[in-house]
Amino acid sequence: MSPSTENLVLEHLRAIRATQDKHSEDLREIKGRLGIIEMQYANLSNRLDRMDERVSHIEKRLGLVDV
C-alpha cells in the first residue's frame, strides 16, 4: 500500500473508533436514565398497591362490597 492509502485507512479507522466511543458514552447515559425510570416505576407501583389496599379496606368498612 502506498503511504497515502495507509493514511486514509488510518484516518477512517480513527473516525470509526471515535464514533464507537461516542456511542458507548451515549449507551452508558441511556442505561443510567433507564435505571432511574425503573426505580421510579417500582416506587409508583408500590404506592398504587398500597392505595388499592387502603381503598379496599375503606370499601369493606363502609359496606360497599361483599366481604
N, C-alpha and C. Protein backbone atom coordinates (compact mmCIF):
# COMPACT_ATOMS: atom_id res chain seq x y z
N MET A 1 0.83 -1.18 0.00
CA MET A 1 0.00 0.00 0.00
C MET A 1 0.87 1.24 0.00
N SER A 2 0.39 2.22 -0.68
CA SER A 2 1.14 3.47 -0.71
C SER A 2 0.88 4.23 0.60
N PRO A 3 1.79 5.13 0.94
CA PRO A 3 1.63 5.89 2.19
C PRO A 3 0.31 6.67 2.26
N SER A 4 -0.16 7.20 1.13
CA SER A 4 -1.41 7.95 1.16
C SER A 4 -2.60 7.03 1.44
N THR A 5 -2.54 5.80 0.93
CA THR A 5 -3.61 4.83 1.18
C THR A 5 -3.61 4.41 2.64
N GLU A 6 -2.41 4.18 3.19
CA GLU A 6 -2.30 3.81 4.61
C GLU A 6 -2.85 4.91 5.49
N ASN A 7 -2.53 6.15 5.17
CA ASN A 7 -3.02 7.28 5.95
C ASN A 7 -4.54 7.38 5.87
N LEU A 8 -5.08 7.13 4.69
CA LEU A 8 -6.52 7.19 4.52
C LEU A 8 -7.21 6.10 5.35
N VAL A 9 -6.65 4.90 5.34
CA VAL A 9 -7.21 3.79 6.13
C VAL A 9 -7.13 4.13 7.61
N LEU A 10 -6.00 4.63 8.06
CA LEU A 10 -5.86 5.00 9.47
C LEU A 10 -6.83 6.11 9.85
N GLU A 11 -7.02 7.04 8.96
CA GLU A 11 -7.96 8.14 9.20
C GLU A 11 -9.38 7.60 9.37
N HIS A 12 -9.77 6.67 8.53
CA HIS A 12 -11.11 6.07 8.63
C HIS A 12 -11.24 5.25 9.92
N LEU A 13 -10.21 4.50 10.25
CA LEU A 13 -10.25 3.71 11.49
C LEU A 13 -10.38 4.61 12.71
N ARG A 14 -9.68 5.72 12.73
CA ARG A 14 -9.79 6.66 13.85
C ARG A 14 -11.20 7.26 13.93
N ALA A 15 -11.77 7.57 12.78
CA ALA A 15 -13.13 8.12 12.76
C ALA A 15 -14.13 7.07 13.27
N ILE A 16 -13.94 5.82 12.87
CA ILE A 16 -14.83 4.74 13.34
C ILE A 16 -14.69 4.57 14.84
N ARG A 17 -13.48 4.60 15.35
CA ARG A 17 -13.25 4.46 16.79
C ARG A 17 -13.87 5.62 17.56
N ALA A 18 -13.76 6.83 17.04
CA ALA A 18 -14.35 8.00 17.71
C ALA A 18 -15.87 7.86 17.75
N THR A 19 -16.45 7.41 16.67
CA THR A 19 -17.90 7.22 16.62
C THR A 19 -18.31 6.13 17.60
N GLN A 20 -17.57 5.06 17.66
CA GLN A 20 -17.87 3.97 18.58
C GLN A 20 -17.75 4.44 20.03
N ASP A 21 -16.75 5.24 20.34
CA ASP A 21 -16.60 5.77 21.70
C ASP A 21 -17.79 6.65 22.07
N LYS A 22 -18.24 7.46 21.12
CA LYS A 22 -19.41 8.33 21.36
C LYS A 22 -20.65 7.48 21.61
N HIS A 23 -20.83 6.43 20.82
CA HIS A 23 -21.98 5.55 21.01
C HIS A 23 -21.92 4.85 22.37
N SER A 24 -20.72 4.47 22.80
CA SER A 24 -20.56 3.83 24.11
C SER A 24 -20.96 4.78 25.23
N GLU A 25 -20.55 6.05 25.12
CA GLU A 25 -20.92 7.05 26.12
C GLU A 25 -22.42 7.26 26.14
N ASP A 26 -23.02 7.35 24.96
CA ASP A 26 -24.47 7.52 24.87
C ASP A 26 -25.20 6.34 25.49
N LEU A 27 -24.73 5.14 25.24
CA LEU A 27 -25.36 3.94 25.78
C LEU A 27 -25.27 3.92 27.31
N ARG A 28 -24.13 4.33 27.86
CA ARG A 28 -23.99 4.40 29.32
C ARG A 28 -25.00 5.38 29.91
N GLU A 29 -25.15 6.53 29.25
CA GLU A 29 -26.11 7.53 29.72
C GLU A 29 -27.54 7.00 29.64
N ILE A 30 -27.87 6.33 28.55
CA ILE A 30 -29.22 5.77 28.39
C ILE A 30 -29.49 4.71 29.45
N LYS A 31 -28.51 3.86 29.73
CA LYS A 31 -28.70 2.82 30.75
C LYS A 31 -28.92 3.46 32.13
N GLY A 32 -28.18 4.51 32.41
CA GLY A 32 -28.35 5.20 33.70
C GLY A 32 -29.74 5.80 33.82
N ARG A 33 -30.20 6.46 32.76
CA ARG A 33 -31.54 7.05 32.78
C ARG A 33 -32.61 5.97 32.89
N LEU A 34 -32.43 4.86 32.19
CA LEU A 34 -33.39 3.76 32.26
C LEU A 34 -33.46 3.19 33.67
N GLY A 35 -32.33 3.08 34.32
CA GLY A 35 -32.31 2.61 35.71
C GLY A 35 -33.11 3.52 36.62
N ILE A 36 -32.98 4.82 36.42
CA ILE A 36 -33.73 5.79 37.22
C ILE A 36 -35.23 5.62 36.97
N ILE A 37 -35.60 5.48 35.70
CA ILE A 37 -37.02 5.30 35.36
C ILE A 37 -37.56 4.01 35.98
N GLU A 38 -36.78 2.94 35.95
CA GLU A 38 -37.22 1.68 36.55
C GLU A 38 -37.45 1.84 38.05
N MET A 39 -36.57 2.55 38.73
CA MET A 39 -36.74 2.78 40.17
C MET A 39 -37.99 3.60 40.44
N GLN A 40 -38.22 4.64 39.65
CA GLN A 40 -39.40 5.47 39.83
C GLN A 40 -40.67 4.67 39.57
N TYR A 41 -40.66 3.81 38.56
CA TYR A 41 -41.82 2.98 38.26
C TYR A 41 -42.10 2.02 39.42
N ALA A 42 -41.06 1.40 39.95
CA ALA A 42 -41.24 0.47 41.07
C ALA A 42 -41.82 1.19 42.27
N ASN A 43 -41.33 2.39 42.55
CA ASN A 43 -41.84 3.18 43.67
C ASN A 43 -43.31 3.53 43.45
N LEU A 44 -43.65 3.96 42.27
CA LEU A 44 -45.02 4.31 41.95
C LEU A 44 -45.93 3.09 42.03
N SER A 45 -45.46 1.96 41.54
CA SER A 45 -46.24 0.73 41.59
C SER A 45 -46.53 0.33 43.03
N ASN A 46 -45.54 0.43 43.91
CA ASN A 46 -45.73 0.12 45.33
C ASN A 46 -46.75 1.05 45.97
N ARG A 47 -46.66 2.32 45.64
CA ARG A 47 -47.62 3.29 46.19
C ARG A 47 -49.03 2.98 45.73
N LEU A 48 -49.20 2.62 44.45
CA LEU A 48 -50.53 2.29 43.94
C LEU A 48 -51.07 1.03 44.60
N ASP A 49 -50.21 0.05 44.84
CA ASP A 49 -50.64 -1.17 45.53
C ASP A 49 -51.15 -0.85 46.93
N ARG A 50 -50.43 0.01 47.64
CA ARG A 50 -50.86 0.39 48.99
C ARG A 50 -52.18 1.16 48.95
N MET A 51 -52.33 2.03 47.96
CA MET A 51 -53.58 2.78 47.84
C MET A 51 -54.74 1.83 47.54
N ASP A 52 -54.52 0.84 46.70
CA ASP A 52 -55.55 -0.14 46.37
C ASP A 52 -55.99 -0.88 47.64
N GLU A 53 -55.02 -1.27 48.46
CA GLU A 53 -55.34 -1.95 49.71
C GLU A 53 -56.15 -1.04 50.63
N ARG A 54 -55.77 0.21 50.71
CA ARG A 54 -56.49 1.16 51.57
C ARG A 54 -57.91 1.38 51.08
N VAL A 55 -58.09 1.52 49.78
CA VAL A 55 -59.44 1.72 49.23
C VAL A 55 -60.29 0.48 49.48
N SER A 56 -59.72 -0.71 49.31
CA SER A 56 -60.45 -1.94 49.59
C SER A 56 -60.88 -2.00 51.04
N HIS A 57 -60.00 -1.61 51.94
CA HIS A 57 -60.31 -1.60 53.37
C HIS A 57 -61.44 -0.61 53.66
N ILE A 58 -61.39 0.55 53.06
CA ILE A 58 -62.44 1.57 53.25
C ILE A 58 -63.77 1.06 52.71
N GLU A 59 -63.75 0.44 51.54
CA GLU A 59 -64.98 -0.10 50.94
C GLU A 59 -65.61 -1.16 51.85
N LYS A 60 -64.77 -2.01 52.43
CA LYS A 60 -65.29 -3.06 53.32
C LYS A 60 -65.92 -2.43 54.57
N ARG A 61 -65.25 -1.44 55.14
CA ARG A 61 -65.77 -0.80 56.35
C ARG A 61 -67.08 -0.07 56.10
N LEU A 62 -67.22 0.50 54.89
CA LEU A 62 -68.46 1.22 54.55
C LEU A 62 -69.55 0.27 54.04
N GLY A 63 -69.20 -0.98 53.85
CA GLY A 63 -70.18 -1.95 53.40
C GLY A 63 -70.51 -1.80 51.93
N LEU A 64 -69.59 -1.29 51.15
CA LEU A 64 -69.82 -1.08 49.73
C LEU A 64 -69.57 -2.34 48.90
N VAL A 65 -68.85 -3.30 49.49
CA VAL A 65 -68.55 -4.55 48.80
C VAL A 65 -68.85 -5.72 49.72
N ASP A 66 -69.07 -6.89 49.16
CA ASP A 66 -69.26 -8.09 49.95
C ASP A 66 -67.94 -8.53 50.53
N VAL A 67 -67.94 -8.95 51.78
CA VAL A 67 -66.71 -9.36 52.45
C VAL A 67 -66.32 -10.76 52.05
